[in-house]
Amino acid sequence: MNNEQETPKEKREKLRQKELIKNPGGALRDGFSRGENANLSDFSEGMGWKGTVLLIVVLIVGYILYKLFL
């Protein structure tokens, strides 16, 4: 595939794969510290915009119910 036809997501994935091959120990360390350094875009990237909106609505409704009953 030509670089001009690649989407930004494909470019990021290709760079990530090259980094994993070059430095497997760093990838292991990143996996252990992912909870500390998490990025919201990593979480919501696979869900799409509808899933992200649904998650936000569920969190808001959950917070409101928590405040009402506790």
PDB file of N, CA and C in Angstrom:
ATOM      1  N   MET A   1       0.845  -1.182   0.000  1.00  0.00           N
ATOM      2  CA  MET A   1       0.000   0.000   0.000  1.00  0.00           C
ATOM      3  C   MET A   1       0.890   1.245   0.000  1.00  0.00           C
ATOM      4  N   ASN A   2       0.547   2.192  -0.781  1.00  0.00           N
ATOM      5  CA  ASN A   2       1.285   3.437  -0.876  1.00  0.00           C
ATOM      6  C   ASN A   2       1.059   4.278   0.382  1.00  0.00           C
ATOM      7  N   ASN A   3       2.103   4.990   0.846  1.00  0.00           N
ATOM      8  CA  ASN A   3       1.993   5.811   2.050  1.00  0.00           C
ATOM      9  C   ASN A   3       0.939   6.904   1.920  1.00  0.00           C
ATOM     10  N   GLU A   4       0.688   7.379   0.683  1.00  0.00           N
ATOM     11  CA  GLU A   4      -0.310   8.425   0.495  1.00  0.00           C
ATOM     12  C   GLU A   4      -1.727   7.903   0.711  1.00  0.00           C
ATOM     13  N   GLN A   5      -1.915   6.594   0.544  1.00  0.00           N
ATOM     14  CA  GLN A   5      -3.238   6.017   0.684  1.00  0.00           C
ATOM     15  C   GLN A   5      -3.513   5.512   2.095  1.00  0.00           C
ATOM     16  N   GLU A   6      -2.490   5.458   2.943  1.00  0.00           N
ATOM     17  CA  GLU A   6      -2.681   4.970   4.310  1.00  0.00           C
ATOM     18  C   GLU A   6      -3.419   6.003   5.155  1.00  0.00           C
ATOM     19  N   THR A   7      -4.278   5.513   5.992  1.00  0.00           N
ATOM     20  CA  THR A   7      -4.950   6.398   6.927  1.00  0.00           C
ATOM     21  C   THR A   7      -4.014   6.660   8.105  1.00  0.00           C
ATOM     22  N   PRO A   8      -4.264   7.716   8.877  1.00  0.00           N
ATOM     23  CA  PRO A   8      -3.424   7.973  10.050  1.00  0.00           C
ATOM     24  C   PRO A   8      -3.431   6.802  11.041  1.00  0.00           C
ATOM     25  N   LYS A   9      -4.565   6.126  11.155  1.00  0.00           N
ATOM     26  CA  LYS A   9      -4.645   4.980  12.059  1.00  0.00           C
ATOM     27  C   LYS A   9      -3.711   3.860  11.594  1.00  0.00           C
ATOM     28  N   GLU A  10      -3.671   3.605  10.295  1.00  0.00           N
ATOM     29  CA  GLU A  10      -2.785   2.578   9.755  1.00  0.00           C
ATOM     30  C   GLU A  10      -1.323   2.953   9.948  1.00  0.00           C
ATOM     31  N   LYS A  11      -0.999   4.234   9.782  1.00  0.00           N
ATOM     32  CA  LYS A  11       0.372   4.686  10.001  1.00  0.00           C
ATOM     33  C   LYS A  11       0.798   4.490  11.453  1.00  0.00           C
ATOM     34  N   ARG A  12      -0.104   4.835  12.392  1.00  0.00           N
ATOM     35  CA  ARG A  12       0.214   4.644  13.813  1.00  0.00           C
ATOM     36  C   ARG A  12       0.438   3.176  14.122  1.00  0.00           C
ATOM     37  N   GLU A  13      -0.400   2.316  13.560  1.00  0.00           N
ATOM     38  CA  GLU A  13      -0.277   0.882  13.815  1.00  0.00           C
ATOM     39  C   GLU A  13       1.025   0.333  13.241  1.00  0.00           C
ATOM     40  N   LYS A  14       1.397   0.797  12.060  1.00  0.00           N
ATOM     41  CA  LYS A  14       2.651   0.345  11.451  1.00  0.00           C
ATOM     42  C   LYS A  14       3.846   0.787  12.300  1.00  0.00           C
ATOM     43  N   LEU A  15       3.824   2.035  12.775  1.00  0.00           N
ATOM     44  CA  LEU A  15       4.905   2.513  13.632  1.00  0.00           C
ATOM     45  C   LEU A  15       4.952   1.745  14.950  1.00  0.00           C
ATOM     46  N   ARG A  16       3.789   1.409  15.488  1.00  0.00           N
ATOM     47  CA  ARG A  16       3.743   0.657  16.734  1.00  0.00           C
ATOM     48  C   ARG A  16       4.325  -0.739  16.547  1.00  0.00           C
ATOM     49  N   GLN A  17       4.002  -1.378  15.419  1.00  0.00           N
ATOM     50  CA  GLN A  17       4.530  -2.712  15.143  1.00  0.00           C
ATOM     51  C   GLN A  17       6.045  -2.681  14.986  1.00  0.00           C
ATOM     52  N   LYS A  18       6.571  -1.656  14.302  1.00  0.00           N
ATOM     53  CA  LYS A  18       8.022  -1.534  14.156  1.00  0.00           C
ATOM     54  C   LYS A  18       8.686  -1.346  15.517  1.00  0.00           C
ATOM     55  N   GLU A  19       8.072  -0.548  16.373  1.00  0.00           N
ATOM     56  CA  GLU A  19       8.631  -0.309  17.708  1.00  0.00           C
ATOM     57  C   GLU A  19       8.606  -1.584  18.545  1.00  0.00           C
ATOM     58  N   LEU A  20       7.545  -2.374  18.429  1.00  0.00           N
ATOM     59  CA  LEU A  20       7.477  -3.630  19.168  1.00  0.00           C
ATOM     60  C   LEU A  20       8.571  -4.585  18.736  1.00  0.00           C
ATOM     61  N   ILE A  21       8.876  -4.630  17.449  1.00  0.00           N
ATOM     62  CA  ILE A  21       9.931  -5.508  16.943  1.00  0.00           C
ATOM     63  C   ILE A  21      11.296  -5.010  17.414  1.00  0.00           C
ATOM     64  N   LYS A  22      11.495  -3.697  17.390  1.00  0.00           N
ATOM     65  CA  LYS A  22      12.776  -3.119  17.787  1.00  0.00           C
ATOM     66  C   LYS A  22      13.033  -3.233  19.286  1.00  0.00           C
ATOM     67  N   ASN A  23      11.997  -3.081  20.108  1.00  0.00           N
ATOM     68  CA  ASN A  23      12.193  -2.974  21.546  1.00  0.00           C
ATOM     69  C   ASN A  23      11.099  -3.741  22.293  1.00  0.00           C
ATOM     70  N   PRO A  24      11.187  -5.072  22.342  1.00  0.00           N
ATOM     71  CA  PRO A  24      10.119  -5.837  23.003  1.00  0.00           C
ATOM     72  C   PRO A  24      10.060  -5.605  24.515  1.00  0.00           C
ATOM     73  N   GLY A  25      11.181  -5.307  25.159  1.00  0.00           N
ATOM     74  CA  GLY A  25      11.181  -5.035  26.606  1.00  0.00           C
ATOM     75  C   GLY A  25      10.433  -3.759  26.948  1.00  0.00           C
ATOM     76  N   GLY A  26      10.548  -2.766  26.076  1.00  0.00           N
ATOM     77  CA  GLY A  26       9.831  -1.507  26.293  1.00  0.00           C
ATOM     78  C   GLY A  26       8.335  -1.698  26.173  1.00  0.00           C
ATOM     79  N   ALA A  27       7.935  -2.577  25.272  1.00  0.00           N
ATOM     80  CA  ALA A  27       6.510  -2.856  25.116  1.00  0.00           C
ATOM     81  C   ALA A  27       5.963  -3.535  26.366  1.00  0.00           C
ATOM     82  N   LEU A  28       6.755  -4.401  26.960  1.00  0.00           N
ATOM     83  CA  LEU A  28       6.327  -5.064  28.187  1.00  0.00           C
ATOM     84  C   LEU A  28       6.178  -4.045  29.316  1.00  0.00           C
ATOM     85  N   ARG A  29       7.134  -3.153  29.428  1.00  0.00           N
ATOM     86  CA  ARG A  29       7.076  -2.107  30.460  1.00  0.00           C
ATOM     87  C   ARG A  29       5.871  -1.190  30.231  1.00  0.00           C
ATOM     88  N   ASP A  30       5.599  -0.865  28.966  1.00  0.00           N
ATOM     89  CA  ASP A  30       4.439  -0.032  28.649  1.00  0.00           C
ATOM     90  C   ASP A  30       3.147  -0.726  29.051  1.00  0.00           C
ATOM     91  N   GLY A  31       3.092  -2.028  28.859  1.00  0.00           N
ATOM     92  CA  GLY A  31       1.898  -2.780  29.231  1.00  0.00           C
ATOM     93  C   GLY A  31       1.647  -2.758  30.717  1.00  0.00           C
ATOM     94  N   PHE A  32       2.721  -2.827  31.512  1.00  0.00           N
ATOM     95  CA  PHE A  32       2.565  -2.803  32.965  1.00  0.00           C
ATOM     96  C   PHE A  32       2.145  -1.429  33.474  1.00  0.00           C
ATOM     97  N   SER A  33       2.605  -0.373  32.812  1.00  0.00           N
ATOM     98  CA  SER A  33       2.309   0.975  33.291  1.00  0.00           C
ATOM     99  C   SER A  33       1.138   1.619  32.559  1.00  0.00           C
ATOM    100  N   ARG A  34       0.440   0.869  31.734  1.00  0.00           N
ATOM    101  CA  ARG A  34      -0.668   1.438  30.952  1.00  0.00           C
ATOM    102  C   ARG A  34      -1.767   2.003  31.844  1.00  0.00           C
ATOM    103  N   GLY A  35      -2.025   1.362  32.961  1.00  0.00           N
ATOM    104  CA  GLY A  35      -3.061   1.853  33.868  1.00  0.00           C
ATOM    105  C   GLY A  35      -2.717   3.214  34.452  1.00  0.00           C
ATOM    106  N   GLU A  36      -1.443   3.474  34.625  1.00  0.00           N
ATOM    107  CA  GLU A  36      -1.013   4.768  35.171  1.00  0.00           C
ATOM    108  C   GLU A  36      -1.014   5.859  34.109  1.00  0.00           C
ATOM    109  N   ASN A  37      -0.731   5.488  32.887  1.00  0.00           N
ATOM    110  CA  ASN A  37      -0.554   6.474  31.821  1.00  0.00           C
ATOM    111  C   ASN A  37      -1.609   6.330  30.727  1.00  0.00           C
ATOM    112  N   ALA A  38      -2.785   5.905  31.081  1.00  0.00           N
ATOM    113  CA  ALA A  38      -3.811   5.629  30.075  1.00  0.00           C
ATOM    114  C   ALA A  38      -4.252   6.908  29.378  1.00  0.00           C
ATOM    115  N   ASN A  39      -4.671   6.733  28.165  1.00  0.00           N
ATOM    116  CA  ASN A  39      -5.144   7.829  27.352  1.00  0.00           C
ATOM    117  C   ASN A  39      -6.587   7.529  26.952  1.00  0.00           C
ATOM    118  N   LEU A  40      -7.458   8.470  27.075  1.00  0.00           N
ATOM    119  CA  LEU A  40      -8.866   8.250  26.755  1.00  0.00           C
ATOM    120  C   LEU A  40      -9.056   7.854  25.300  1.00  0.00           C
ATOM    121  N   SER A  41      -8.231   8.374  24.422  1.00  0.00           N
ATOM    122  CA  SER A  41      -8.377   8.011  23.010  1.00  0.00           C
ATOM    123  C   SER A  41      -8.046   6.542  22.779  1.00  0.00           C
ATOM    124  N   ASP A  42      -7.127   5.964  23.568  1.00  0.00           N
ATOM    125  CA  ASP A  42      -6.852   4.535  23.456  1.00  0.00           C
ATOM    126  C   ASP A  42      -8.084   3.723  23.817  1.00  0.00           C
ATOM    127  N   PHE A  43      -8.805   4.176  24.806  1.00  0.00           N
ATOM    128  CA  PHE A  43      -9.986   3.452  25.263  1.00  0.00           C
ATOM    129  C   PHE A  43     -11.134   3.565  24.276  1.00  0.00           C
ATOM    130  N   SER A  44     -11.354   4.763  23.788  1.00  0.00           N
ATOM    131  CA  SER A  44     -12.535   4.997  22.955  1.00  0.00           C
ATOM    132  C   SER A  44     -12.270   4.814  21.466  1.00  0.00           C
ATOM    133  N   GLU A  45     -11.057   4.526  21.077  1.00  0.00           N
ATOM    134  CA  GLU A  45     -10.718   4.428  19.660  1.00  0.00           C
ATOM    135  C   GLU A  45     -11.515   3.340  18.940  1.00  0.00           C
ATOM    136  N   GLY A  46     -11.684   2.196  19.562  1.00  0.00           N
ATOM    137  CA  GLY A  46     -12.369   1.101  18.908  1.00  0.00           C
ATOM    138  C   GLY A  46     -13.878   1.171  18.991  1.00  0.00           C
ATOM    139  N   MET A  47     -14.414   2.051  19.820  1.00  0.00           N
ATOM    140  CA  MET A  47     -15.860   2.091  20.029  1.00  0.00           C
ATOM    141  C   MET A  47     -16.600   2.931  19.003  1.00  0.00           C
ATOM    142  N   GLY A  48     -15.952   3.890  18.413  1.00  0.00           N
ATOM    143  CA  GLY A  48     -16.640   4.810  17.502  1.00  0.00           C
ATOM    144  C   GLY A  48     -17.328   5.915  18.299  1.00  0.00           C
ATOM    145  N   TRP A  49     -17.928   6.844  17.580  1.00  0.00           N
ATOM    146  CA  TRP A  49     -18.507   8.001  18.282  1.00  0.00           C
ATOM    147  C   TRP A  49     -19.784   7.627  19.022  1.00  0.00           C
ATOM    148  N   LYS A  50     -20.560   6.680  18.517  1.00  0.00           N
ATOM    149  CA  LYS A  50     -21.794   6.301  19.195  1.00  0.00           C
ATOM    150  C   LYS A  50     -21.497   5.597  20.518  1.00  0.00           C
ATOM    151  N   GLY A  51     -20.511   4.737  20.498  1.00  0.00           N
ATOM    152  CA  GLY A  51     -20.130   4.044  21.726  1.00  0.00           C
ATOM    153  C   GLY A  51     -19.572   4.996  22.763  1.00  0.00           C
ATOM    154  N   THR A  52     -18.794   5.983  22.322  1.00  0.00           N
ATOM    155  CA  THR A  52     -18.230   6.961  23.240  1.00  0.00           C
ATOM    156  C   THR A  52     -19.330   7.812  23.872  1.00  0.00           C
ATOM    157  N   VAL A  53     -20.297   8.248  23.062  1.00  0.00           N
ATOM    158  CA  VAL A  53     -21.411   9.040  23.584  1.00  0.00           C
ATOM    159  C   VAL A  53     -22.227   8.207  24.570  1.00  0.00           C
ATOM    160  N   LEU A  54     -22.472   6.951  24.238  1.00  0.00           N
ATOM    161  CA  LEU A  54     -23.216   6.064  25.133  1.00  0.00           C
ATOM    162  C   LEU A  54     -22.484   5.883  26.463  1.00  0.00           C
ATOM    163  N   LEU A  55     -21.177   5.714  26.414  1.00  0.00           N
ATOM    164  CA  LEU A  55     -20.383   5.583  27.638  1.00  0.00           C
ATOM    165  C   LEU A  55     -20.491   6.836  28.504  1.00  0.00           C
ATOM    166  N   ILE A  56     -20.402   7.999  27.897  1.00  0.00           N
ATOM    167  CA  ILE A  56     -20.503   9.254  28.643  1.00  0.00           C
ATOM    168  C   ILE A  56     -21.882   9.394  29.280  1.00  0.00           C
ATOM    169  N   VAL A  57     -22.933   9.067  28.529  1.00  0.00           N
ATOM    170  CA  VAL A  57     -24.297   9.160  29.060  1.00  0.00           C
ATOM    171  C   VAL A  57     -24.465   8.206  30.238  1.00  0.00           C
ATOM    172  N   VAL A  58     -23.970   6.976  30.107  1.00  0.00           N
ATOM    173  CA  VAL A  58     -24.082   6.001  31.197  1.00  0.00           C
ATOM    174  C   VAL A  58     -23.332   6.490  32.433  1.00  0.00           C
ATOM    175  N   LEU A  59     -22.163   7.067  32.254  1.00  0.00           N
ATOM    176  CA  LEU A  59     -21.414   7.597  33.403  1.00  0.00           C
ATOM    177  C   LEU A  59     -22.162   8.744  34.082  1.00  0.00           C
ATOM    178  N   ILE A  60     -22.753   9.630  33.304  1.00  0.00           N
ATOM    179  CA  ILE A  60     -23.490  10.763  33.887  1.00  0.00           C
ATOM    180  C   ILE A  60     -24.726  10.273  34.633  1.00  0.00           C
ATOM    181  N   VAL A  61     -25.480   9.368  34.021  1.00  0.00           N
ATOM    182  CA  VAL A  61     -26.680   8.830  34.673  1.00  0.00           C
ATOM    183  C   VAL A  61     -26.300   8.069  35.938  1.00  0.00           C
ATOM    184  N   GLY A  62     -25.222   7.306  35.865  1.00  0.00           N
ATOM    185  CA  GLY A  62     -24.743   6.594  37.043  1.00  0.00           C
ATOM    186  C   GLY A  62     -24.365   7.541  38.168  1.00  0.00           C
ATOM    187  N   TYR A  63     -23.714   8.632  37.850  1.00  0.00           N
ATOM    188  CA  TYR A  63     -23.324   9.608  38.861  1.00  0.00           C
ATOM    189  C   TYR A  63     -24.566  10.265  39.484  1.00  0.00           C
ATOM    190  N   ILE A  64     -25.554  10.586  38.652  1.00  0.00           N
ATOM    191  CA  ILE A  64     -26.778  11.210  39.165  1.00  0.00           C
ATOM    192  C   ILE A  64     -27.502  10.252  40.105  1.00  0.00           C
ATOM    193  N   LEU A  65     -27.619   8.978  39.694  1.00  0.00           N
ATOM    194  CA  LEU A  65     -28.266   7.989  40.563  1.00  0.00           C
ATOM    195  C   LEU A  65     -27.506   7.796  41.868  1.00  0.00           C
ATOM    196  N   TYR A  66     -26.185   7.816  41.778  1.00  0.00           N
ATOM    197  CA  TYR A  66     -25.365   7.690  42.987  1.00  0.00           C
ATOM    198  C   TYR A  66     -25.638   8.843  43.939  1.00  0.00           C
ATOM    199  N   LYS A  67     -25.686  10.049  43.415  1.00  0.00           N
ATOM    200  CA  LYS A  67     -25.924  11.227  44.269  1.00  0.00           C
ATOM    201  C   LYS A  67     -27.344  11.228  44.846  1.00  0.00           C
ATOM    202  N   LEU A  68     -28.312  10.715  44.110  1.00  0.00           N
ATOM    203  CA  LEU A  68     -29.687  10.700  44.592  1.00  0.00           C
ATOM    204  C   LEU A  68     -29.898   9.691  45.715  1.00  0.00           C
ATOM    205  N   PHE A  69     -29.319   8.521  45.602  1.00  0.00           N
ATOM    206  CA  PHE A  69     -29.600   7.455  46.539  1.00  0.00           C
ATOM    207  C   PHE A  69     -28.561   7.278  47.638  1.00  0.00           C
ATOM    208  N   LEU A  70     -27.413   7.859  47.521  1.00  0.00           N
ATOM    209  CA  LEU A  70     -26.380   7.689  48.569  1.00  0.00           C
ATOM    210  C   LEU A  70     -25.916   9.001  49.142  1.00  0.00           C
TER     211      LEU A  70
END
